[in-house]
PDB file of all heavy atoms in Angstrom:
ATOM      1  N   LEU A   1     156.669 134.444 160.748  1.00  0.00           N
ATOM      2  CA  LEU A   1     157.480 134.782 161.911  1.00  0.00           C
ATOM      3  C   LEU A   1     157.349 133.710 162.989  1.00  0.00           C
ATOM      4  O   LEU A   1     156.252 133.251 163.299  1.00  0.00           O
ATOM      5  CB  LEU A   1     157.071 136.149 162.463  1.00  0.00           C
ATOM      6  CG  LEU A   1     157.356 137.346 161.544  1.00  0.00           C
ATOM      7  CD1 LEU A   1     156.901 138.640 162.204  1.00  0.00           C
ATOM      8  CD2 LEU A   1     158.830 137.418 161.171  1.00  0.00           C
ATOM      9  N   GLY A   2     158.480 133.293 163.528  1.00  0.00           N
ATOM     10  CA  GLY A   2     158.514 132.257 164.550  1.00  0.00           C
ATOM     11  C   GLY A   2     158.790 130.868 164.028  1.00  0.00           C
ATOM     12  O   GLY A   2     159.161 129.972 164.798  1.00  0.00           O
ATOM     13  N   VAL A   3     158.629 130.669 162.710  1.00  0.00           N
ATOM     14  CA  VAL A   3     158.791 129.339 162.139  1.00  0.00           C
ATOM     15  C   VAL A   3     160.226 128.852 162.272  1.00  0.00           C
ATOM     16  O   VAL A   3     160.473 127.699 162.651  1.00  0.00           O
ATOM     17  CB  VAL A   3     158.353 129.328 160.662  1.00  0.00           C
ATOM     18  CG1 VAL A   3     158.682 127.986 160.010  1.00  0.00           C
ATOM     19  CG2 VAL A   3     156.864 129.618 160.555  1.00  0.00           C
ATOM     20  N   TYR A   4     161.174 129.721 161.963  1.00  0.00           N
ATOM     21  CA  TYR A   4     162.570 129.286 162.036  1.00  0.00           C
ATOM     22  C   TYR A   4     162.930 128.854 163.453  1.00  0.00           C
ATOM     23  O   TYR A   4     163.558 127.804 163.651  1.00  0.00           O
ATOM     24  CB  TYR A   4     163.508 130.411 161.577  1.00  0.00           C
ATOM     25  CG  TYR A   4     164.955 129.982 161.596  1.00  0.00           C
ATOM     26  CD1 TYR A   4     165.506 129.289 160.523  1.00  0.00           C
ATOM     27  CD2 TYR A   4     165.768 130.247 162.699  1.00  0.00           C
ATOM     28  CE1 TYR A   4     166.833 128.862 160.537  1.00  0.00           C
ATOM     29  CE2 TYR A   4     167.093 129.829 162.727  1.00  0.00           C
ATOM     30  CZ  TYR A   4     167.623 129.135 161.644  1.00  0.00           C
ATOM     31  OH  TYR A   4     168.928 128.711 161.676  1.00  0.00           O
ATOM     32  N   GLU A   5     162.482 129.631 164.427  1.00  0.00           N
ATOM     33  CA  GLU A   5     162.877 129.368 165.811  1.00  0.00           C
ATOM     34  C   GLU A   5     162.299 128.071 166.368  1.00  0.00           C
ATOM     35  O   GLU A   5     162.983 127.351 167.106  1.00  0.00           O
ATOM     36  CB  GLU A   5     162.459 130.548 166.696  1.00  0.00           C
ATOM     37  CG  GLU A   5     163.256 131.825 166.465  1.00  0.00           C
ATOM     38  CD  GLU A   5     162.877 132.573 165.192  1.00  0.00           C
ATOM     39  OE1 GLU A   5     161.834 132.225 164.564  1.00  0.00           O
ATOM     40  OE2 GLU A   5     163.603 133.513 164.806  1.00  0.00           O
ATOM     41  N   ASP A   6     161.035 127.756 166.037  1.00  0.00           N
ATOM     42  CA  ASP A   6     160.443 126.564 166.667  1.00  0.00           C
ATOM     43  C   ASP A   6     160.364 125.343 165.759  1.00  0.00           C
ATOM     44  O   ASP A   6     160.167 124.226 166.245  1.00  0.00           O
ATOM     45  CB  ASP A   6     159.057 126.874 167.263  1.00  0.00           C
ATOM     46  CG  ASP A   6     158.024 127.327 166.240  1.00  0.00           C
ATOM     47  OD1 ASP A   6     158.062 126.886 165.084  1.00  0.00           O
ATOM     48  OD2 ASP A   6     157.147 128.138 166.617  1.00  0.00           O
ATOM     49  N   SER A   7     160.519 125.515 164.453  1.00  0.00           N
ATOM     50  CA  SER A   7     160.340 124.385 163.547  1.00  0.00           C
ATOM     51  C   SER A   7     161.571 124.039 162.725  1.00  0.00           C
ATOM     52  O   SER A   7     161.595 122.985 162.085  1.00  0.00           O
ATOM     53  CB  SER A   7     159.172 124.672 162.586  1.00  0.00           C
ATOM     54  OG  SER A   7     157.975 124.883 163.290  1.00  0.00           O
ATOM     55  N   VAL A   8     162.565 124.910 162.732  1.00  0.00           N
ATOM     56  CA  VAL A   8     163.759 124.694 161.921  1.00  0.00           C
ATOM     57  C   VAL A   8     165.010 124.589 162.787  1.00  0.00           C
ATOM     58  O   VAL A   8     165.757 123.601 162.719  1.00  0.00           O
ATOM     59  CB  VAL A   8     163.927 125.824 160.880  1.00  0.00           C
ATOM     60  CG1 VAL A   8     165.199 125.621 160.060  1.00  0.00           C
ATOM     61  CG2 VAL A   8     162.704 125.891 159.965  1.00  0.00           C
ATOM     62  N   LEU A   9     165.233 125.590 163.634  1.00  0.00           N
ATOM     63  CA  LEU A   9     166.449 125.604 164.457  1.00  0.00           C
ATOM     64  C   LEU A   9     166.598 124.346 165.316  1.00  0.00           C
ATOM     65  O   LEU A   9     167.714 123.815 165.429  1.00  0.00           O
ATOM     66  CB  LEU A   9     166.468 126.860 165.325  1.00  0.00           C
ATOM     67  CG  LEU A   9     167.741 127.093 166.147  1.00  0.00           C
ATOM     68  CD1 LEU A   9     168.972 127.174 165.257  1.00  0.00           C
ATOM     69  CD2 LEU A   9     167.600 128.375 166.980  1.00  0.00           C
ATOM     70  N   PRO A  10     165.535 123.822 165.916  1.00  0.00           N
ATOM     71  CA  PRO A  10     165.720 122.619 166.740  1.00  0.00           C
ATOM     72  C   PRO A  10     166.272 121.416 165.975  1.00  0.00           C
ATOM     73  O   PRO A  10     167.057 120.641 166.535  1.00  0.00           O
ATOM     74  CB  PRO A  10     164.313 122.338 167.279  1.00  0.00           C
ATOM     75  CG  PRO A  10     163.653 123.676 167.310  1.00  0.00           C
ATOM     76  CD  PRO A  10     164.161 124.369 166.077  1.00  0.00           C
ATOM     77  N   VAL A  11     165.906 121.244 164.703  1.00  0.00           N
ATOM     78  CA  VAL A  11     166.450 120.098 163.966  1.00  0.00           C
ATOM     79  C   VAL A  11     167.880 120.366 163.521  1.00  0.00           C
ATOM     80  O   VAL A  11     168.684 119.438 163.396  1.00  0.00           O
ATOM     81  CB  VAL A  11     165.551 119.704 162.770  1.00  0.00           C
ATOM     82  CG1 VAL A  11     164.190 119.254 163.258  1.00  0.00           C
ATOM     83  CG2 VAL A  11     165.412 120.815 161.749  1.00  0.00           C
ATOM     84  N   ILE A  12     168.211 121.648 163.303  1.00  0.00           N
ATOM     85  CA  ILE A  12     169.605 121.991 163.014  1.00  0.00           C
ATOM     86  C   ILE A  12     170.473 121.709 164.238  1.00  0.00           C
ATOM     87  O   ILE A  12     171.536 121.079 164.139  1.00  0.00           O
ATOM     88  CB  ILE A  12     169.729 123.470 162.587  1.00  0.00           C
ATOM     89  CG1 ILE A  12     169.008 123.712 161.257  1.00  0.00           C
ATOM     90  CG2 ILE A  12     171.201 123.876 162.474  1.00  0.00           C
ATOM     91  CD1 ILE A  12     168.996 125.175 160.825  1.00  0.00           C
ATOM     92  N   GLU A  13     170.009 122.166 165.393  1.00  0.00           N
ATOM     93  CA  GLU A  13     170.777 121.973 166.621  1.00  0.00           C
ATOM     94  C   GLU A  13     170.907 120.495 166.995  1.00  0.00           C
ATOM     95  O   GLU A  13     171.878 120.099 167.648  1.00  0.00           O
ATOM     96  CB  GLU A  13     170.134 122.757 167.755  1.00  0.00           C
ATOM     97  CG  GLU A  13     170.236 124.271 167.576  1.00  0.00           C
ATOM     98  CD  GLU A  13     169.596 125.060 168.692  1.00  0.00           C
ATOM     99  OE1 GLU A  13     168.697 124.517 169.380  1.00  0.00           O
ATOM    100  OE2 GLU A  13     169.981 126.223 168.886  1.00  0.00           O
ATOM    101  N   ALA A  14     169.955 119.678 166.544  1.00  0.00           N
ATOM    102  CA  ALA A  14     170.030 118.244 166.799  1.00  0.00           C
ATOM    103  C   ALA A  14     170.967 117.526 165.829  1.00  0.00           C
ATOM    104  O   ALA A  14     171.194 116.314 165.961  1.00  0.00           O
ATOM    105  CB  ALA A  14     168.636 117.625 166.714  1.00  0.00           C
ATOM    106  N   GLY A  15     171.517 118.268 164.872  1.00  0.00           N
ATOM    107  CA  GLY A  15     172.449 117.681 163.910  1.00  0.00           C
ATOM    108  C   GLY A  15     171.794 116.779 162.886  1.00  0.00           C
ATOM    109  O   GLY A  15     172.436 115.878 162.343  1.00  0.00           O
ATOM    110  N   LEU A  16     170.518 117.048 162.565  1.00  0.00           N
ATOM    111  CA  LEU A  16     169.760 116.169 161.686  1.00  0.00           C
ATOM    112  C   LEU A  16     169.600 116.704 160.264  1.00  0.00           C
ATOM    113  O   LEU A  16     168.913 116.080 159.452  1.00  0.00           O
ATOM    114  CB  LEU A  16     168.362 115.922 162.273  1.00  0.00           C
ATOM    115  CG  LEU A  16     168.309 115.213 163.626  1.00  0.00           C
ATOM    116  CD1 LEU A  16     166.859 115.061 164.087  1.00  0.00           C
ATOM    117  CD2 LEU A  16     168.993 113.851 163.560  1.00  0.00           C
ATOM    118  N   VAL A  17     170.224 117.841 159.929  1.00  0.00           N
ATOM    119  CA  VAL A  17     169.961 118.498 158.648  1.00  0.00           C
ATOM    120  C   VAL A  17     171.091 118.260 157.649  1.00  0.00           C
ATOM    121  O   VAL A  17     172.272 118.379 157.979  1.00  0.00           O
ATOM    122  CB  VAL A  17     169.757 120.015 158.845  1.00  0.00           C
ATOM    123  CG1 VAL A  17     169.530 120.697 157.498  1.00  0.00           C
ATOM    124  CG2 VAL A  17     168.580 120.272 159.772  1.00  0.00           C
ATOM    125  N   ASP A  18     170.698 117.926 156.425  1.00  0.00           N
ATOM    126  CA  ASP A  18     171.602 117.974 155.277  1.00  0.00           C
ATOM    127  C   ASP A  18     171.159 119.161 154.427  1.00  0.00           C
ATOM    128  O   ASP A  18     170.012 119.191 153.951  1.00  0.00           O
ATOM    129  CB  ASP A  18     171.524 116.695 154.450  1.00  0.00           C
ATOM    130  CG  ASP A  18     172.165 115.507 155.144  1.00  0.00           C
ATOM    131  OD1 ASP A  18     172.868 115.717 156.150  1.00  0.00           O
ATOM    132  OD2 ASP A  18     171.938 114.376 154.685  1.00  0.00           O
ATOM    133  N   PHE A  19     172.043 120.133 154.255  1.00  0.00           N
ATOM    134  CA  PHE A  19     171.687 121.350 153.534  1.00  0.00           C
ATOM    135  C   PHE A  19     171.900 121.169 152.030  1.00  0.00           C
ATOM    136  O   PHE A  19     172.883 120.576 151.600  1.00  0.00           O
ATOM    137  CB  PHE A  19     172.521 122.527 154.038  1.00  0.00           C
ATOM    138  CG  PHE A  19     172.218 122.907 155.458  1.00  0.00           C
ATOM    139  CD1 PHE A  19     173.089 122.563 156.480  1.00  0.00           C
ATOM    140  CD2 PHE A  19     171.059 123.583 155.782  1.00  0.00           C
ATOM    141  CE1 PHE A  19     172.814 122.898 157.793  1.00  0.00           C
ATOM    142  CE2 PHE A  19     170.766 123.932 157.085  1.00  0.00           C
ATOM    143  CZ  PHE A  19     171.645 123.588 158.101  1.00  0.00           C
ATOM    144  N   ILE A  20     170.959 121.704 151.260  1.00  0.00           N
ATOM    145  CA  ILE A  20     171.025 121.636 149.807  1.00  0.00           C
ATOM    146  C   ILE A  20     171.500 122.986 149.280  1.00  0.00           C
ATOM    147  O   ILE A  20     170.918 124.023 149.593  1.00  0.00           O
ATOM    148  CB  ILE A  20     169.642 121.295 149.208  1.00  0.00           C
ATOM    149  CG1 ILE A  20     169.071 120.029 149.859  1.00  0.00           C
ATOM    150  CG2 ILE A  20     169.751 121.146 147.698  1.00  0.00           C
ATOM    151  CD1 ILE A  20     169.932 118.806 149.717  1.00  0.00           C
ATOM    152  N   GLY A  21     172.569 122.983 148.505  1.00  0.00           N
ATOM    153  CA  GLY A  21     173.144 124.223 147.991  1.00  0.00           C
ATOM    154  C   GLY A  21     172.249 124.869 146.951  1.00  0.00           C
ATOM    155  O   GLY A  21     171.319 124.247 146.416  1.00  0.00           O
ATOM    156  N   PRO A  22     172.509 126.122 146.619  1.00  0.00           N
ATOM    157  CA  PRO A  22     171.632 126.879 145.717  1.00  0.00           C
ATOM    158  C   PRO A  22     171.538 126.300 144.319  1.00  0.00           C
ATOM    159  O   PRO A  22     170.590 126.604 143.593  1.00  0.00           O
ATOM    160  CB  PRO A  22     172.252 128.276 145.704  1.00  0.00           C
ATOM    161  CG  PRO A  22     173.654 128.094 146.178  1.00  0.00           C
ATOM    162  CD  PRO A  22     173.627 126.940 147.121  1.00  0.00           C
ATOM    163  N   GLU A  23     172.493 125.472 143.928  1.00  0.00           N
ATOM    164  CA  GLU A  23     172.459 124.879 142.592  1.00  0.00           C
ATOM    165  C   GLU A  23     171.575 123.634 142.539  1.00  0.00           C
ATOM    166  O   GLU A  23     171.288 123.113 141.463  1.00  0.00           O
ATOM    167  CB  GLU A  23     173.876 124.522 142.135  1.00  0.00           C
ATOM    168  CG  GLU A  23     174.514 123.360 142.868  1.00  0.00           C
ATOM    169  CD  GLU A  23     174.993 123.688 144.287  1.00  0.00           C
ATOM    170  OE1 GLU A  23     175.017 124.890 144.648  1.00  0.00           O
ATOM    171  OE2 GLU A  23     175.369 122.748 145.022  1.00  0.00           O
ATOM    172  N   GLY A  24     171.134 123.133 143.685  1.00  0.00           N
ATOM    173  CA  GLY A  24     170.314 121.924 143.700  1.00  0.00           C
ATOM    174  C   GLY A  24     171.103 120.718 143.248  1.00  0.00           C
ATOM    175  O   GLY A  24     172.256 120.531 143.625  1.00  0.00           O
ATOM    176  N   GLY A  25     170.485 119.870 142.437  1.00  0.00           N
ATOM    177  CA  GLY A  25     171.156 118.697 141.913  1.00  0.00           C
ATOM    178  C   GLY A  25     170.734 117.421 142.614  1.00  0.00           C
ATOM    179  O   GLY A  25     169.839 117.404 143.464  1.00  0.00           O
ATOM    180  N   GLU A  26     171.385 116.319 142.248  1.00  0.00           N
ATOM    181  CA  GLU A  26     171.012 115.005 142.770  1.00  0.00           C
ATOM    182  C   GLU A  26     171.476 114.839 144.211  1.00  0.00           C
ATOM    183  O   GLU A  26     172.643 115.058 144.538  1.00  0.00           O
ATOM    184  CB  GLU A  26     171.607 113.899 141.901  1.00  0.00           C
ATOM    185  CG  GLU A  26     171.132 112.499 142.273  1.00  0.00           C
ATOM    186  CD  GLU A  26     171.616 111.429 141.322  1.00  0.00           C
ATOM    187  OE1 GLU A  26     172.826 111.133 141.346  1.00  0.00           O
ATOM    188  OE2 GLU A  26     170.792 110.907 140.538  1.00  0.00           O
ATOM    189  N   TYR A  27     170.564 114.439 145.063  1.00  0.00           N
ATOM    190  CA  TYR A  27     170.904 114.142 146.461  1.00  0.00           C
ATOM    191  C   TYR A  27     171.243 112.669 146.620  1.00  0.00           C
ATOM    192  O   TYR A  27     172.179 112.298 147.324  1.00  0.00           O
ATOM    193  CB  TYR A  27     169.740 114.523 147.378  1.00  0.00           C
ATOM    194  CG  TYR A  27     169.986 114.159 148.827  1.00  0.00           C
ATOM    195  CD1 TYR A  27     170.815 114.939 149.629  1.00  0.00           C
ATOM    196  CD2 TYR A  27     169.397 113.034 149.389  1.00  0.00           C
ATOM    197  CE1 TYR A  27     171.051 114.604 150.956  1.00  0.00           C
ATOM    198  CE2 TYR A  27     169.619 112.689 150.709  1.00  0.00           C
ATOM    199  CZ  TYR A  27     170.446 113.475 151.490  1.00  0.00           C
ATOM    200  OH  TYR A  27     170.673 113.126 152.810  1.00  0.00           O
ATOM    201  N   MET A  28     170.452 111.825 145.982  1.00  0.00           N
ATOM    202  CA  MET A  28     170.731 110.393 145.939  1.00  0.00           C
ATOM    203  C   MET A  28     170.087 109.859 144.672  1.00  0.00           C
ATOM    204  O   MET A  28     169.280 110.553 144.044  1.00  0.00           O
ATOM    205  CB  MET A  28     170.184 109.679 147.184  1.00  0.00           C
ATOM    206  CG  MET A  28     168.691 109.780 147.379  1.00  0.00           C
ATOM    207  SD  MET A  28     168.203 108.976 148.933  1.00  0.00           S
ATOM    208  CE  MET A  28     166.437 109.328 148.946  1.00  0.00           C
ATOM    209  N   PRO A  29     170.474 108.664 144.221  1.00  0.00           N
ATOM    210  CA  PRO A  29     169.919 108.168 142.961  1.00  0.00           C
ATOM    211  C   PRO A  29     168.392 108.212 142.957  1.00  0.00           C
ATOM    212  O   PRO A  29     167.730 107.712 143.862  1.00  0.00           O
ATOM    213  CB  PRO A  29     170.433 106.722 142.902  1.00  0.00           C
ATOM    214  CG  PRO A  29     171.714 106.765 143.661  1.00  0.00           C
ATOM    215  CD  PRO A  29     171.474 107.732 144.798  1.00  0.00           C
ATOM    216  N   GLY A  30     167.853 108.859 141.933  1.00  0.00           N
ATOM    217  CA  GLY A  30     166.410 108.933 141.781  1.00  0.00           C
ATOM    218  C   GLY A  30     165.753 110.111 142.459  1.00  0.00           C
ATOM    219  O   GLY A  30     164.547 110.323 142.283  1.00  0.00           O
ATOM    220  N   LEU A  31     166.517 110.909 143.198  1.00  0.00           N
ATOM    221  CA  LEU A  31     165.932 112.067 143.890  1.00  0.00           C
ATOM    222  C   LEU A  31     166.853 113.261 143.736  1.00  0.00           C
ATOM    223  O   LEU A  31     168.022 113.215 144.139  1.00  0.00           O
ATOM    224  CB  LEU A  31     165.708 111.760 145.371  1.00  0.00           C
ATOM    225  CG  LEU A  31     164.884 112.794 146.163  1.00  0.00           C
ATOM    226  CD1 LEU A  31     164.119 112.110 147.296  1.00  0.00           C
ATOM    227  CD2 LEU A  31     165.742 113.907 146.747  1.00  0.00           C
ATOM    228  N   SER A  32     166.319 114.335 143.138  1.00  0.00           N
ATOM    229  CA  SER A  32     167.131 115.526 142.926  1.00  0.00           C
ATOM    230  C   SER A  32     166.336 116.776 143.257  1.00  0.00           C
ATOM    231  O   SER A  32     165.103 116.765 143.313  1.00  0.00           O
ATOM    232  CB  SER A  32     167.637 115.584 141.481  1.00  0.00           C
ATOM    233  OG  SER A  32     166.562 115.595 140.574  1.00  0.00           O
ATOM    234  N   PHE A  33     167.064 117.856 143.474  1.00  0.00           N
ATOM    235  CA  PHE A  33     166.482 119.145 143.836  1.00  0.00           C
ATOM    236  C   PHE A  33     166.622 120.115 142.670  1.00  0.00           C
ATOM    237  O   PHE A  33     167.701 120.238 142.081  1.00  0.00           O
ATOM    238  CB  PHE A  33     167.176 119.719 145.068  1.00  0.00           C
ATOM    239  CG  PHE A  33     166.821 119.017 146.344  1.00  0.00           C
ATOM    240  CD1 PHE A  33     167.431 117.817 146.686  1.00  0.00           C
ATOM    241  CD2 PHE A  33     165.873 119.543 147.212  1.00  0.00           C
ATOM    242  CE1 PHE A  33     167.103 117.159 147.866  1.00  0.00           C
ATOM    243  CE2 PHE A  33     165.534 118.900 148.384  1.00  0.00           C
ATOM    244  CZ  PHE A  33     166.149 117.707 148.714  1.00  0.00           C
ATOM    245  N   MET A  34     165.529 120.792 142.336  1.00  0.00           N
ATOM    246  CA  MET A  34     165.515 121.766 141.253  1.00  0.00           C
ATOM    247  C   MET A  34     165.237 123.146 141.846  1.00  0.00           C
ATOM    248  O   MET A  34     164.171 123.369 142.431  1.00  0.00           O
ATOM    249  CB  MET A  34     164.428 121.412 140.235  1.00  0.00           C
ATOM    250  CG  MET A  34     164.295 122.413 139.087  1.00  0.00           C
ATOM    251  SD  MET A  34     163.189 121.824 137.767  1.00  0.00           S
ATOM    252  CE  MET A  34     161.613 121.786 138.625  1.00  0.00           C
ATOM    253  N   PRO A  35     166.181 124.087 141.753  1.00  0.00           N
ATOM    254  CA  PRO A  35     165.941 125.429 142.309  1.00  0.00           C
ATOM    255  C   PRO A  35     164.739 126.097 141.637  1.00  0.00           C
ATOM    256  O   PRO A  35     164.687 126.200 140.407  1.00  0.00           O
ATOM    257  CB  PRO A  35     167.240 126.181 141.997  1.00  0.00           C
ATOM    258  CG  PRO A  35     168.270 125.110 141.791  1.00  0.00           C
ATOM    259  CD  PRO A  35     167.534 123.960 141.178  1.00  0.00           C
ATOM    260  N   THR A  36     163.785 126.530 142.431  1.00  0.00           N
ATOM    261  CA  THR A  36     162.607 127.248 141.922  1.00  0.00           C
ATOM    262  C   THR A  36     162.324 128.440 142.836  1.00  0.00           C
ATOM    263  O   THR A  36     161.253 128.530 143.441  1.00  0.00           O
ATOM    264  CB  THR A  36     161.382 126.314 141.833  1.00  0.00           C
ATOM    265  OG1 THR A  36     161.255 125.559 143.054  1.00  0.00           O
ATOM    266  CG2 THR A  36     161.505 125.357 140.670  1.00  0.00           C
ATOM    267  N   PRO A  37     163.270 129.359 142.972  1.00  0.00           N
ATOM    268  CA  PRO A  37     163.104 130.477 143.896  1.00  0.00           C
ATOM    269  C   PRO A  37     162.052 131.463 143.412  1.00  0.00           C
ATOM    270  O   PRO A  37     161.723 131.527 142.226  1.00  0.00           O
ATOM    271  CB  PRO A  37     164.492 131.117 143.896  1.00  0.00           C
ATOM    272  CG  PRO A  37     165.047 130.817 142.535  1.00  0.00           C
ATOM    273  CD  PRO A  37     164.538 129.434 142.208  1.00  0.00           C
ATOM    274  N   GLY A  38     161.530 132.214 144.348  1.00  0.00           N
ATOM    275  CA  GLY A  38     160.564 133.254 144.025  1.00  0.00           C
ATOM    276  C   GLY A  38     159.462 133.311 145.056  1.00  0.00           C
ATOM    277  O   GLY A  38     159.294 134.308 145.749  1.00  0.00           O
ATOM    278  N   HIS A  39     158.713 132.230 145.173  1.00  0.00           N
ATOM    279  CA  HIS A  39     157.723 132.198 146.247  1.00  0.00           C
ATOM    280  C   HIS A  39     158.430 132.426 147.580  1.00  0.00           C
ATOM    281  O   HIS A  39     157.960 133.176 148.427  1.00  0.00           O
ATOM    282  CB  HIS A  39     156.980 130.868 146.254  1.00  0.00           C
ATOM    283  CG  HIS A  39     156.086 130.712 147.444  1.00  0.00           C
ATOM    284  ND1 HIS A  39     154.911 131.420 147.583  1.00  0.00           N
ATOM    285  CD2 HIS A  39     156.206 129.963 148.562  1.00  0.00           C
ATOM    286  CE1 HIS A  39     154.350 131.109 148.735  1.00  0.00           C
ATOM    287  NE2 HIS A  39     155.114 130.225 149.347  1.00  0.00           N
ATOM    288  N   SER A  40     159.546 131.761 147.758  1.00  0.00           N
ATOM    289  CA  SER A  40     160.467 132.053 148.856  1.00  0.00           C
ATOM    290  C   SER A  40     161.860 132.156 148.273  1.00  0.00           C
ATOM    291  O   SER A  40     162.098 131.774 147.123  1.00  0.00           O
ATOM    292  CB  SER A  40     160.405 130.977 149.948  1.00  0.00           C
ATOM    293  OG  SER A  40     161.000 129.773 149.476  1.00  0.00           O
ATOM    294  N   ILE A  41     162.782 132.627 149.058  1.00  0.00           N
ATOM    295  CA  ILE A  41     164.100 133.001 148.525  1.00  0.00           C
ATOM    296  C   ILE A  41     164.898 131.810 148.000  1.00  0.00           C
ATOM    297  O   ILE A  41     165.665 131.939 147.040  1.00  0.00           O
ATOM    298  CB  ILE A  41     164.902 133.780 149.591  1.00  0.00           C
ATOM    299  CG1 ILE A  41     166.074 134.502 148.947  1.00  0.00           C
ATOM    300  CG2 ILE A  41     165.319 132.866 150.737  1.00  0.00           C
ATOM    301  CD1 ILE A  41     166.717 135.541 149.858  1.00  0.00           C
ATOM    302  N   GLY A  42     164.719 130.639 148.611  1.00  0.00           N
ATOM    303  CA  GLY A  42     165.495 129.477 148.179  1.00  0.00           C
ATOM    304  C   GLY A  42     164.637 128.264 147.904  1.00  0.00           C
ATOM    305  O   GLY A  42     165.095 127.124 148.059  1.00  0.00           O
ATOM    306  N   HIS A  43     163.406 128.482 147.496  1.00  0.00           N
ATOM    307  CA  HIS A  43     162.451 127.401 147.244  1.00  0.00           C
ATOM    308  C   HIS A  43     163.063 126.357 146.316  1.00  0.00           C
ATOM    309  O   HIS A  43     163.704 126.686 145.314  1.00  0.00           O
ATOM    310  CB  HIS A  43     161.191 127.999 146.612  1.00  0.00           C
ATOM    311  CG  HIS A  43     160.041 127.050 146.490  1.00  0.00           C
ATOM    312  ND1 HIS A  43     160.018 126.005 145.593  1.00  0.00           N
ATOM    313  CD2 HIS A  43     158.854 126.995 147.159  1.00  0.00           C
ATOM    314  CE1 HIS A  43     158.878 125.352 145.701  1.00  0.00           C
ATOM    315  NE2 HIS A  43     158.153 125.941 146.649  1.00  0.00           N
ATOM    316  N   MET A  44     162.861 125.086 146.658  1.00  0.00           N
ATOM    317  CA  MET A  44     163.340 123.978 145.845  1.00  0.00           C
ATOM    318  C   MET A  44     162.186 123.058 145.490  1.00  0.00           C
ATOM    319  O   MET A  44     161.366 122.713 146.353  1.00  0.00           O
ATOM    320  CB  MET A  44     164.393 123.159 146.598  1.00  0.00           C
ATOM    321  CG  MET A  44     165.712 123.860 146.799  1.00  0.00           C
ATOM    322  SD  MET A  44     166.796 123.647 145.362  1.00  0.00           S
ATOM    323  CE  MET A  44     168.264 124.493 145.973  1.00  0.00           C
TER     324      MET A  44
END
């Protein structure tokens, strides 16, 4: 509790976030996201 408000929302409001969709996949050559949900709802 409180993490979203002080550690996440400020970087969103600053326009610094690239969001990764639920399917994951390649973000740039050599770096990709693999969905591994469970520990948290959208863990990657």
